[in-house]
Amino acid sequence: MVAPPRLVLVLGDQLSPAMAALRAADPARDIVVMAEVMAEATDVPHHPQKIVLILAAMRHFAQELRAASWRVAYSTLNDPDNTHTIAGELIRRAAESGAQEVIATKPGDWRLIAALGECPLPVRLLPDDRFLCPEADFARWAEGRKTLRMEWFYRDMRRRTGLMMEGDAPAGGRWNFDAENRKSARADLWRRAPLRFAPDGVTRAVIDLVAARFAGRFGGLEGFAHPVTRADAEAAWEDFVRHRLPRFGAEQDAMLAGDPFLSHALISAPLNLGLLEPLALCRRVEAEWRAGRVPIEAAEGFIRQIIGWREFVRGIWAISGPGYLDRNALGAARPLPAVYWGGPTRMACMAAAVGQTRDLAYAHHIQRLMVTGNFALIAGIAPRAVHEWYLAVYLDAFEWVEAPNTLGMALHADGGLLASKPYAASGAYVARMSDYCAGCAYDPRAEGGRPPCPMTALYWDFILRHRARWASNPRMGQMLRVWDAMAEGRKAMLRAAAAEVLARLDAGEVV
């Protein structure tokens, strides 16, 4: 007897020929199922460019699989028989083909994991081994530790991979060159802009589809030029290595209103989709440093983001389970202000970061952490609402990476599981790392003249709101001592400014 085919599920962020589910399948027997479904496009109001990116990349990957002799059952959003859920499409394809089993790689979204668990077809769920630290290894590393700190995990990952190691010691005698990577930046006509990719016919058709089906969403489709194929992703990567990697480290925390990209790589989206392979990227960066073409701080800073933060937050997501999404250690409950959806604001930093997000579906990590994230933290905005916003608006946002970065790193909603202290800052930080404040209506240092910056006033209000919690935190306790030593007149001014900002937020007024 001929064995019935098995269905091989490939999700929109699993676009790698080496995925575990594909390795476990037989092209001569099995059928790959790929589906564009409204349930995934509408779980949060995803930015139109994010939807285009994923659907166009999926369609190109389906072509790649067919060229490699796979049978692919592909459902488009306009397919009249589309059930518009992943489980529904598996059931439909099983009925068509006689398949009785599904092979899938574990999704990076607890909602999808649950949906596959409830599917009436047997689903063999395989680990996603694109990551350098398997979930079981991370769980063993975390077990029994009083605190989970990325720095210690990162050192173990350096030893595990051998990246930038000299025997048992870190290259350059230090594990971390972050102190060299905190410089501000200025406009520079010689800074090379990232490669952009003109949409081909496949992508153009997706753009037209999304424009018709998702009109009115936050963000537009004008100028969509992201890499959606493996070849384009590799070209974008090569361009970064050759032209921006040497400056990456020094400028990685800087912000300029007229330059959204600076020297960043812009490869997190294709990397998270599966179009690039993380260890290969890191080895290439190490080779550039060893060849003398890249300073050590740039190479180490890049590698730390990949094998440090990226792997660490994925481990936090995996061991925490779906309940992580509802953590709210600080009891923040304020609704998400309209400024996050492009509403008017007098805050130049928020206008710049949100405007860039609206236009590009992109902001780099400091814009997310220290502008939109910091404002949400110190204003006490409900973590679940902030999480859903980040998940919706950024090209590279998938739950496994976005949720810990938002809830743990930006909002401290996990109570310190991911980070030892909240990444709270006043407007002075934004002024130091950007050019946003020069023409702003507010004074970041609250020294008189212009009204005090909401970031500065809310920073101190945040410190005082949670005084009992921070008193035992060595790093935050220091800021309480700064407050206690502050002149009474300045304290009163900052308290009044914070109260006004919060009242305006609660009233839905412009801040």
Protein backbone atom coordinates (compact mmCIF):
# COMPACT_ATOMS: atom_id res chain seq x y z
CA MET A 1 0.00 0.00 0.00
CA VAL A 2 1.09 3.57 -0.69
CA ALA A 3 1.29 5.56 2.52
CA PRO A 4 -0.96 8.62 2.57
CA PRO A 5 0.77 12.00 2.38
CA ARG A 6 1.49 14.02 5.46
CA LEU A 7 0.85 17.73 5.63
CA VAL A 8 3.91 19.86 6.35
CA LEU A 9 2.89 23.19 7.86
CA VAL A 10 5.13 26.16 7.06
CA LEU A 11 4.21 29.42 8.78
CA GLY A 12 5.00 32.91 7.58
CA ASP A 13 8.04 33.28 9.84
CA GLN A 14 9.43 29.82 9.03
CA LEU A 15 10.72 30.51 5.54
CA SER A 16 13.89 28.44 5.63
CA PRO A 17 14.55 25.28 3.60
CA ALA A 18 16.23 23.81 6.68
CA MET A 19 13.16 24.09 8.94
CA ALA A 20 12.71 21.05 11.17
CA ALA A 21 9.33 20.17 9.63
CA LEU A 22 10.76 20.18 6.11
CA ARG A 23 13.73 18.06 7.16
CA ALA A 24 11.37 15.50 8.66
CA ALA A 25 9.25 15.29 5.50
CA ASP A 26 9.59 13.61 2.11
CA PRO A 27 9.09 15.75 -1.03
CA ALA A 28 8.00 12.66 -2.95
CA ARG A 29 5.22 11.88 -0.47
CA ASP A 30 4.23 14.91 1.56
CA ILE A 31 2.43 18.18 0.89
CA VAL A 32 3.57 21.56 2.20
CA VAL A 33 0.70 23.69 3.48
CA MET A 34 1.11 27.46 3.47
CA ALA A 35 -1.83 29.73 4.17
CA GLU A 36 -2.60 33.43 4.18
CA VAL A 37 -5.40 33.68 6.75
CA MET A 38 -7.32 36.58 8.17
CA ALA A 39 -6.99 35.19 11.70
CA GLU A 40 -3.26 35.96 11.58
CA ALA A 41 -3.62 39.29 9.78
CA THR A 42 -6.16 40.56 12.31
CA ASP A 43 -5.07 39.13 15.68
CA VAL A 44 -3.73 42.66 16.19
CA PRO A 45 -4.06 45.50 13.64
CA HIS A 46 -0.78 44.78 11.86
CA HIS A 47 0.89 47.54 9.87
CA PRO A 48 0.11 47.14 6.14
CA GLN A 49 3.82 46.95 5.31
CA LYS A 50 4.25 44.09 7.77
CA ILE A 51 1.41 42.18 6.13
CA VAL A 52 2.91 42.78 2.69
CA LEU A 53 6.34 41.69 3.88
CA ILE A 54 5.11 38.39 5.29
CA LEU A 55 2.72 37.50 2.47
CA ALA A 56 5.20 38.43 -0.28
CA ALA A 57 7.96 36.47 1.45
CA MET A 58 5.62 33.49 1.79
CA ARG A 59 4.69 33.54 -1.88
CA HIS A 60 8.32 33.73 -2.94
CA PHE A 61 9.23 30.90 -0.57
CA ALA A 62 6.45 28.75 -2.02
CA GLN A 63 8.08 29.28 -5.43
CA GLU A 64 11.43 28.27 -3.93
CA LEU A 65 9.93 25.06 -2.53
CA ARG A 66 8.23 24.16 -5.79
CA ALA A 67 11.52 24.66 -7.62
CA ALA A 68 13.01 22.15 -5.15
CA SER A 69 10.29 19.59 -6.14
CA TRP A 70 7.97 20.06 -3.17
CA ARG A 71 4.21 19.93 -3.66
CA VAL A 72 2.82 23.10 -2.10
CA ALA A 73 -0.84 23.71 -1.25
CA TYR A 74 -0.94 27.49 -0.95
CA SER A 75 -3.99 29.47 0.18
CA THR A 76 -4.18 33.16 -0.67
CA LEU A 77 -6.37 35.64 1.15
CA ASN A 78 -8.59 35.79 -1.94
CA ASP A 79 -9.00 32.00 -2.21
CA PRO A 80 -12.80 31.53 -2.03
CA ASP A 81 -12.39 28.25 -0.12
CA ASN A 82 -10.00 29.72 2.44
CA THR A 83 -11.20 29.02 6.00
CA HIS A 84 -8.95 31.83 7.27
CA THR A 85 -7.51 29.92 10.22
CA ILE A 86 -4.38 27.76 10.25
CA ALA A 87 -6.22 24.78 11.74
CA GLY A 88 -9.05 25.21 9.25
CA GLU A 89 -6.67 25.15 6.32
CA LEU A 90 -4.98 22.00 7.61
CA ILE A 91 -8.36 20.29 7.89
CA ARG A 92 -9.31 21.43 4.38
CA ARG A 93 -6.05 20.21 2.84
CA ALA A 94 -6.32 16.89 4.69
CA ALA A 95 -9.79 16.35 3.24
CA GLU A 96 -8.48 17.09 -0.26
CA SER A 97 -5.42 14.85 -0.06
CA GLY A 98 -6.33 12.08 2.35
CA ALA A 99 -3.55 13.15 4.72
CA GLN A 100 -3.98 11.99 8.30
CA GLU A 101 -1.04 13.64 10.03
CA VAL A 102 0.59 17.08 10.25
CA ILE A 103 4.27 17.81 10.72
CA ALA A 104 4.95 21.30 12.06
CA THR A 105 7.77 23.31 13.56
CA LYS A 106 6.83 24.85 16.90
CA PRO A 107 5.42 28.36 16.35
CA GLY A 108 6.80 31.38 18.20
CA ASP A 109 3.33 32.43 19.34
CA TRP A 110 1.45 30.81 22.24
CA ARG A 111 -1.90 31.40 20.53
CA LEU A 112 -0.82 29.37 17.51
CA ILE A 113 0.68 26.63 19.66
CA ALA A 114 -2.69 26.30 21.40
CA ALA A 115 -4.55 26.27 18.07
CA LEU A 116 -2.40 23.42 16.76
CA GLY A 117 -2.95 21.55 20.02
CA GLU A 118 -6.72 21.77 19.45
CA CYS A 119 -6.55 20.71 15.79
CA PRO A 120 -8.50 17.43 15.24
CA LEU A 121 -5.63 16.12 13.11
CA PRO A 122 -2.60 14.60 14.88
CA VAL A 123 0.14 17.25 14.85
CA ARG A 124 3.78 16.27 15.35
CA LEU A 125 5.35 19.45 16.70
CA LEU A 126 9.12 19.66 16.25
CA PRO A 127 11.48 22.10 18.03
CA ASP A 128 12.47 25.21 16.12
CA ASP A 129 16.19 24.55 15.88
CA ARG A 130 17.05 27.73 13.99
CA PHE A 131 18.02 29.13 17.38
CA LEU A 132 21.50 28.62 18.78
CA CYS A 133 20.29 27.78 22.28
CA PRO A 134 17.59 25.07 22.33
CA GLU A 135 14.69 25.68 24.70
CA ALA A 136 15.72 22.74 26.88
CA ASP A 137 19.26 24.11 27.19
CA PHE A 138 17.96 27.52 28.24
CA ALA A 139 15.65 25.94 30.79
CA ARG A 140 18.59 24.03 32.28
CA TRP A 141 20.68 27.21 32.35
CA ALA A 142 17.86 29.12 34.10
CA GLU A 143 16.93 26.42 36.62
CA GLY A 144 17.85 27.29 40.17
CA ARG A 145 19.17 30.77 39.42
CA LYS A 146 17.90 33.56 41.64
CA THR A 147 18.15 36.01 38.75
CA LEU A 148 18.36 35.56 34.99
CA ARG A 149 20.77 38.05 33.50
CA MET A 150 21.58 38.34 29.83
CA GLU A 151 25.25 39.15 30.47
CA TRP A 152 25.95 35.77 32.07
CA PHE A 153 23.92 33.95 29.42
CA TYR A 154 25.79 35.85 26.70
CA ARG A 155 29.16 34.79 28.08
CA ASP A 156 28.03 31.18 28.01
CA MET A 157 26.87 31.64 24.41
CA ARG A 158 30.26 33.06 23.46
CA ARG A 159 31.88 29.96 24.93
CA ARG A 160 29.32 27.68 23.25
CA THR A 161 29.83 29.19 19.79
CA GLY A 162 33.50 30.17 20.11
CA LEU A 163 32.67 33.58 18.66
CA MET A 164 35.27 36.26 19.42
CA MET A 165 37.12 33.99 21.84
CA GLU A 166 40.85 33.56 22.35
CA GLY A 167 40.95 30.16 23.98
CA ASP A 168 38.89 30.49 27.16
CA ALA A 169 39.16 34.28 27.24
CA PRO A 170 37.11 36.90 25.39
CA ALA A 171 38.83 38.63 22.49
CA GLY A 172 40.23 42.00 23.49
CA GLY A 173 40.22 41.01 27.15
CA ARG A 174 36.59 42.06 27.73
CA TRP A 175 33.23 40.41 27.24
CA ASN A 176 31.39 43.63 26.57
CA PHE A 177 32.37 46.82 24.74
CA ASP A 178 29.06 48.56 25.32
CA ALA A 179 30.73 51.59 26.88
CA GLU A 180 32.22 52.42 23.46
CA ASN A 181 28.81 52.07 21.79
CA ARG A 182 26.88 54.93 23.37
CA LYS A 183 27.86 57.86 21.19
CA SER A 184 25.51 60.42 19.75
CA ALA A 185 25.47 61.00 15.98
CA ARG A 186 25.13 63.86 13.55
CA ALA A 187 23.92 64.19 9.99
CA ASP A 188 26.46 62.80 7.54
CA LEU A 189 26.03 62.82 3.76
CA TRP A 190 28.65 60.05 3.49
CA ARG A 191 26.70 57.60 5.64
CA ARG A 192 25.51 54.89 3.23
CA ALA A 193 21.73 54.36 3.18
CA PRO A 194 20.45 50.76 3.27
CA LEU A 195 19.67 48.95 0.04
CA ARG A 196 16.07 49.17 -1.09
CA PHE A 197 14.35 46.62 -3.34
CA ALA A 198 11.82 47.48 -6.03
CA PRO A 199 8.77 45.19 -5.73
CA ASP A 200 8.55 42.51 -8.39
CA GLY A 201 5.28 41.23 -9.85
CA VAL A 202 4.60 38.88 -6.95
CA THR A 203 5.14 41.60 -4.34
CA ARG A 204 3.23 44.16 -6.38
CA ALA A 205 0.19 41.85 -6.40
CA VAL A 206 0.41 41.52 -2.61
CA ILE A 207 0.66 45.30 -2.20
CA ASP A 208 -2.54 45.70 -4.24
CA LEU A 209 -4.26 42.99 -2.20
CA VAL A 210 -3.30 44.53 1.14
CA ALA A 211 -4.26 48.03 -0.02
CA ALA A 212 -7.72 46.71 -0.86
CA ARG A 213 -8.25 44.46 2.17
CA PHE A 214 -6.65 46.52 4.95
CA ALA A 215 -7.48 50.12 4.12
CA GLY A 216 -7.52 52.46 7.10
CA ARG A 217 -4.82 50.67 9.08
CA PHE A 218 -2.10 52.66 10.87
CA GLY A 219 0.65 53.16 8.28
CA GLY A 220 0.77 53.24 4.51
CA LEU A 221 2.32 51.21 1.72
CA GLU A 222 4.10 54.00 -0.11
CA GLY A 223 7.68 53.17 -0.91
CA PHE A 224 7.58 49.55 0.22
CA ALA A 225 11.08 48.29 -0.63
CA HIS A 226 11.94 45.60 1.90
CA PRO A 227 13.74 42.35 0.98
CA VAL A 228 11.20 39.53 0.57
CA THR A 229 13.42 36.85 -0.98
CA ARG A 230 16.48 35.03 0.30
CA ALA A 231 18.62 36.60 -2.43
CA ASP A 232 17.46 40.12 -1.56
CA ALA A 233 17.97 39.51 2.18
CA GLU A 234 21.52 38.33 1.52
CA ALA A 235 22.16 41.38 -0.67
CA ALA A 236 20.88 43.67 2.11
CA TRP A 237 23.14 41.89 4.59
CA GLU A 238 26.20 42.19 2.34
CA ASP A 239 25.53 45.89 1.86
CA PHE A 240 25.42 46.40 5.64
CA VAL A 241 28.65 44.50 6.22
CA ARG A 242 30.52 46.46 3.56
CA HIS A 243 29.18 49.94 4.21
CA ARG A 244 27.69 50.34 7.72
CA LEU A 245 29.03 47.66 10.04
CA PRO A 246 32.25 49.61 10.86
CA ARG A 247 30.12 52.50 12.21
CA PHE A 248 27.38 50.32 13.67
CA GLY A 249 28.73 50.07 17.20
CA ALA A 250 29.40 53.74 17.84
CA GLU A 251 26.05 54.90 16.45
CA GLN A 252 23.75 52.07 17.51
CA ASP A 253 22.12 54.03 20.38
CA ALA A 254 21.89 57.38 18.56
CA MET A 255 18.74 58.97 17.13
CA LEU A 256 18.44 61.58 14.37
CA ALA A 257 15.16 63.03 13.16
CA GLY A 258 16.35 63.15 9.54
CA ASP A 259 18.02 59.75 9.42
CA PRO A 260 15.87 56.83 10.60
CA PHE A 261 18.42 54.14 9.72
CA LEU A 262 21.85 55.56 10.66
CA SER A 263 24.24 52.58 10.50
CA HIS A 264 21.79 49.87 11.51
CA ALA A 265 21.62 46.57 9.64
CA LEU A 266 17.84 46.38 8.99
CA ILE A 267 18.11 42.60 8.89
CA SER A 268 15.97 41.70 11.93
CA ALA A 269 12.85 41.24 9.78
CA PRO A 270 14.38 38.86 7.20
CA LEU A 271 16.26 37.11 10.02
CA ASN A 272 13.04 36.54 11.98
CA LEU A 273 11.27 35.35 8.83
CA GLY A 274 13.95 32.71 8.26
CA LEU A 275 15.60 34.27 5.20
CA LEU A 276 18.96 34.63 7.00
CA GLU A 277 20.80 32.31 9.38
CA PRO A 278 21.99 33.84 12.69
CA LEU A 279 25.23 31.96 13.26
CA ALA A 280 26.38 32.62 9.71
CA LEU A 281 25.85 36.35 10.24
CA CYS A 282 27.87 36.32 13.45
CA ARG A 283 30.72 34.36 11.92
CA ARG A 284 30.89 36.82 9.05
CA VAL A 285 31.04 39.76 11.46
CA GLU A 286 33.78 38.06 13.45
CA ALA A 287 35.74 37.46 10.23
CA GLU A 288 35.43 41.15 9.31
CA TRP A 289 36.85 42.10 12.70
CA ARG A 290 39.70 39.60 12.52
CA ALA A 291 40.53 40.93 9.04
CA GLY A 292 40.87 44.43 10.52
CA ARG A 293 37.96 45.92 8.61
CA VAL A 294 35.66 46.41 11.62
CA PRO A 295 36.49 47.74 15.12
CA ILE A 296 36.05 45.30 17.97
CA GLU A 297 33.25 47.29 19.59
CA ALA A 298 31.14 47.13 16.41
CA ALA A 299 31.69 43.39 15.97
CA GLU A 300 31.07 42.56 19.62
CA GLY A 301 28.01 44.83 19.79
CA PHE A 302 26.43 43.15 16.77
CA ILE A 303 27.20 39.62 17.95
CA ARG A 304 25.83 40.43 21.42
CA GLN A 305 22.50 41.46 19.90
CA ILE A 306 22.21 38.15 18.03
CA ILE A 307 23.57 35.47 20.38
CA GLY A 308 22.93 37.53 23.52
CA TRP A 309 19.67 39.45 23.48
CA ARG A 310 17.91 37.58 20.67
CA GLU A 311 18.56 34.16 22.16
CA PHE A 312 17.98 35.36 25.73
CA VAL A 313 14.54 36.87 25.10
CA ARG A 314 13.50 33.78 23.17
CA GLY A 315 14.51 31.67 26.17
CA ILE A 316 12.54 33.93 28.54
CA TRP A 317 9.48 33.59 26.26
CA ALA A 318 9.82 29.79 26.14
CA ILE A 319 10.16 29.17 29.88
CA SER A 320 7.52 31.73 30.90
CA GLY A 321 4.57 30.34 28.96
CA PRO A 322 1.49 32.18 27.71
CA GLY A 323 0.85 33.79 31.10
CA TYR A 324 3.83 36.08 30.48
CA LEU A 325 1.65 38.20 28.19
CA ASP A 326 -0.53 39.27 31.10
CA ARG A 327 2.19 40.17 33.58
CA ASN A 328 1.83 43.61 35.15
CA ALA A 329 4.14 43.82 38.15
CA LEU A 330 3.83 47.61 38.43
CA GLY A 331 0.04 47.66 38.19
CA ALA A 332 0.01 49.98 35.15
CA ALA A 333 -3.52 50.50 33.84
CA ARG A 334 -3.67 53.69 31.76
CA PRO A 335 -5.09 53.20 28.21
CA LEU A 336 -2.74 53.57 25.26
CA PRO A 337 -2.74 57.28 24.30
CA ALA A 338 -3.75 58.37 20.82
CA VAL A 339 -0.21 59.58 20.11
CA TYR A 340 0.82 55.95 19.58
CA TRP A 341 -1.55 55.80 16.62
CA GLY A 342 -0.33 59.07 15.16
CA GLY A 343 -2.37 61.48 17.27
CA PRO A 344 -1.03 65.01 17.75
CA THR A 345 1.68 65.67 20.31
CA ARG A 346 4.00 68.50 21.29
CA MET A 347 6.73 66.00 22.24
CA ALA A 348 9.25 66.03 19.40
CA CYS A 349 10.71 62.63 20.34
CA MET A 350 7.35 60.86 20.34
CA ALA A 351 6.33 62.59 17.10
CA ALA A 352 9.57 61.46 15.45
CA ALA A 353 9.49 57.86 16.70
CA VAL A 354 5.79 57.28 16.04
CA GLY A 355 5.87 59.11 12.69
CA GLN A 356 8.79 56.99 11.55
CA THR A 357 6.97 53.86 12.71
CA ARG A 358 3.86 54.87 10.78
CA ASP A 359 5.80 55.53 7.58
CA LEU A 360 8.34 52.68 7.68
CA ALA A 361 7.04 50.05 10.13
CA TYR A 362 10.53 50.40 11.58
CA ALA A 363 12.29 52.01 14.52
CA HIS A 364 15.57 50.90 15.97
CA HIS A 365 15.95 49.47 19.47
CA ILE A 366 16.67 52.74 21.29
CA GLN A 367 13.70 54.51 19.71
CA ARG A 368 11.51 51.62 20.87
CA LEU A 369 13.06 51.24 24.32
CA MET A 370 13.91 54.79 25.35
CA VAL A 371 11.23 56.83 23.57
CA THR A 372 7.94 54.97 23.01
CA GLY A 373 8.75 52.29 25.60
CA ASN A 374 10.05 54.69 28.21
CA PHE A 375 7.05 56.98 27.88
CA ALA A 376 4.68 54.00 28.29
CA LEU A 377 6.62 52.83 31.36
CA ILE A 378 6.75 56.11 33.23
CA ALA A 379 3.19 57.11 32.26
CA GLY A 380 1.84 53.80 33.60
CA ILE A 381 0.28 52.54 30.37
CA ALA A 382 -1.24 49.05 30.53
CA PRO A 383 1.43 46.54 29.42
CA ARG A 384 -0.91 44.34 27.36
CA ALA A 385 -1.96 47.35 25.28
CA VAL A 386 1.65 48.38 24.69
CA HIS A 387 2.59 44.80 23.78
CA GLU A 388 -0.19 44.61 21.21
CA TRP A 389 0.88 47.94 19.72
CA TYR A 390 4.51 46.84 19.29
CA LEU A 391 3.38 43.52 17.85
CA ALA A 392 1.17 45.33 15.36
CA VAL A 393 3.37 48.13 14.08
CA TYR A 394 6.86 46.70 13.51
CA LEU A 395 8.02 44.57 10.58
CA ASP A 396 10.16 42.31 12.74
CA ALA A 397 7.71 41.86 15.63
CA PHE A 398 6.80 38.26 16.40
CA GLU A 399 5.60 37.27 19.83
CA TRP A 400 8.65 35.26 20.94
CA VAL A 401 10.95 38.26 20.47
CA GLU A 402 8.60 41.20 20.89
CA ALA A 403 6.81 40.23 24.10
CA PRO A 404 9.88 39.86 26.36
CA ASN A 405 11.48 42.98 24.88
CA THR A 406 8.30 44.99 25.49
CA LEU A 407 6.93 43.52 28.71
CA GLY A 408 10.25 42.68 30.33
CA MET A 409 12.81 45.13 29.06
CA ALA A 410 10.76 48.24 28.24
CA LEU A 411 7.94 48.03 30.80
CA HIS A 412 9.39 45.96 33.68
CA ALA A 413 6.01 44.24 33.75
CA ASP A 414 7.63 40.89 34.58
CA GLY A 415 8.92 42.32 37.85
CA GLY A 416 12.58 41.95 37.00
CA LEU A 417 12.70 38.48 35.43
CA LEU A 418 14.44 39.82 32.33
CA ALA A 419 16.16 42.97 33.62
CA SER A 420 17.44 43.96 37.06
CA LYS A 421 15.97 47.45 36.86
CA PRO A 422 13.47 49.31 34.68
CA TYR A 423 14.90 51.17 31.71
CA ALA A 424 13.35 54.44 32.87
CA ALA A 425 14.95 57.72 31.84
CA SER A 426 14.23 61.43 31.82
CA GLY A 427 14.22 63.73 28.83
CA ALA A 428 17.91 64.40 29.44
CA TYR A 429 18.73 60.97 28.03
CA VAL A 430 16.81 61.69 24.83
CA ALA A 431 18.54 65.07 24.55
CA ARG A 432 21.95 63.44 24.92
CA MET A 433 21.35 60.68 22.37
CA SER A 434 19.32 62.55 19.74
CA ASP A 435 18.64 65.83 17.99
CA TYR A 436 14.93 65.62 18.78
CA CYS A 437 14.90 68.10 21.66
CA ALA A 438 16.42 71.14 19.93
CA GLY A 439 13.16 72.33 18.43
CA CYS A 440 10.78 70.76 20.94
CA ALA A 441 8.12 72.70 22.85
CA TYR A 442 9.48 71.21 26.08
CA ASP A 443 12.70 71.56 28.05
CA PRO A 444 14.24 68.09 28.61
CA ARG A 445 16.19 69.26 31.67
CA ALA A 446 13.30 71.26 33.14
CA GLU A 447 15.51 74.26 33.86
CA GLY A 448 13.03 77.00 33.05
CA GLY A 449 12.03 78.89 29.92
CA ARG A 450 10.13 76.20 28.07
CA PRO A 451 7.68 73.96 29.95
CA PRO A 452 9.35 70.92 31.55
CA CYS A 453 9.56 67.82 29.37
CA PRO A 454 6.87 65.23 30.15
CA MET A 455 9.58 62.54 30.08
CA THR A 456 11.47 64.35 32.85
CA ALA A 457 8.44 65.08 35.02
CA LEU A 458 7.01 61.59 34.61
CA TYR A 459 10.39 60.00 35.28
CA TRP A 460 10.49 61.42 38.78
CA ASP A 461 6.79 60.72 39.30
CA PHE A 462 7.46 57.09 38.32
CA ILE A 463 10.34 56.85 40.78
CA LEU A 464 8.12 58.19 43.59
CA ARG A 465 5.04 56.13 42.67
CA HIS A 466 7.03 52.96 43.25
CA ARG A 467 9.32 54.23 45.96
CA ALA A 468 8.82 51.21 48.22
CA ARG A 469 9.80 48.86 45.40
CA TRP A 470 12.91 50.81 44.36
CA ALA A 471 14.22 51.39 47.87
CA SER A 472 15.80 47.92 47.91
CA ASN A 473 17.10 48.13 44.32
CA PRO A 474 20.72 49.38 44.39
CA ARG A 475 20.52 51.15 41.04
CA MET A 476 17.09 52.70 41.52
CA GLY A 477 17.74 53.49 45.17
CA GLN A 478 20.45 55.85 44.03
CA MET A 479 17.85 57.90 42.13
CA LEU A 480 15.71 58.11 45.25
CA ARG A 481 18.68 59.65 47.05
CA VAL A 482 19.05 62.16 44.19
CA TRP A 483 15.38 63.10 44.61
CA ASP A 484 15.66 63.43 48.36
CA ALA A 485 18.60 65.83 47.97
CA MET A 486 16.79 67.94 45.37
CA ALA A 487 15.68 71.51 46.20
CA GLU A 488 12.07 71.66 47.41
CA GLY A 489 11.13 74.20 44.76
CA ARG A 490 12.33 71.92 41.98
CA LYS A 491 10.49 68.97 43.50
CA ALA A 492 7.26 70.96 43.57
CA MET A 493 7.70 72.07 39.97
CA LEU A 494 8.30 68.47 38.78
CA ARG A 495 5.36 67.11 40.79
CA ALA A 496 3.03 69.73 39.34
CA ALA A 497 4.26 69.09 35.79
CA ALA A 498 3.77 65.33 36.15
CA ALA A 499 0.26 65.79 37.55
CA GLU A 500 -0.64 68.00 34.59
CA VAL A 501 0.72 65.49 32.05
CA LEU A 502 -1.15 62.60 33.62
CA ALA A 503 -4.36 64.62 33.81
CA ARG A 504 -4.06 65.49 30.13
CA LEU A 505 -3.45 61.84 29.25
CA ASP A 506 -6.49 60.75 31.26
CA ALA A 507 -8.61 63.39 29.55
CA GLY A 508 -7.41 62.36 26.09
CA GLU A 509 -5.79 65.73 25.54
CA VAL A 510 -2.61 66.51 23.64
CA VAL A 511 0.64 66.17 25.56
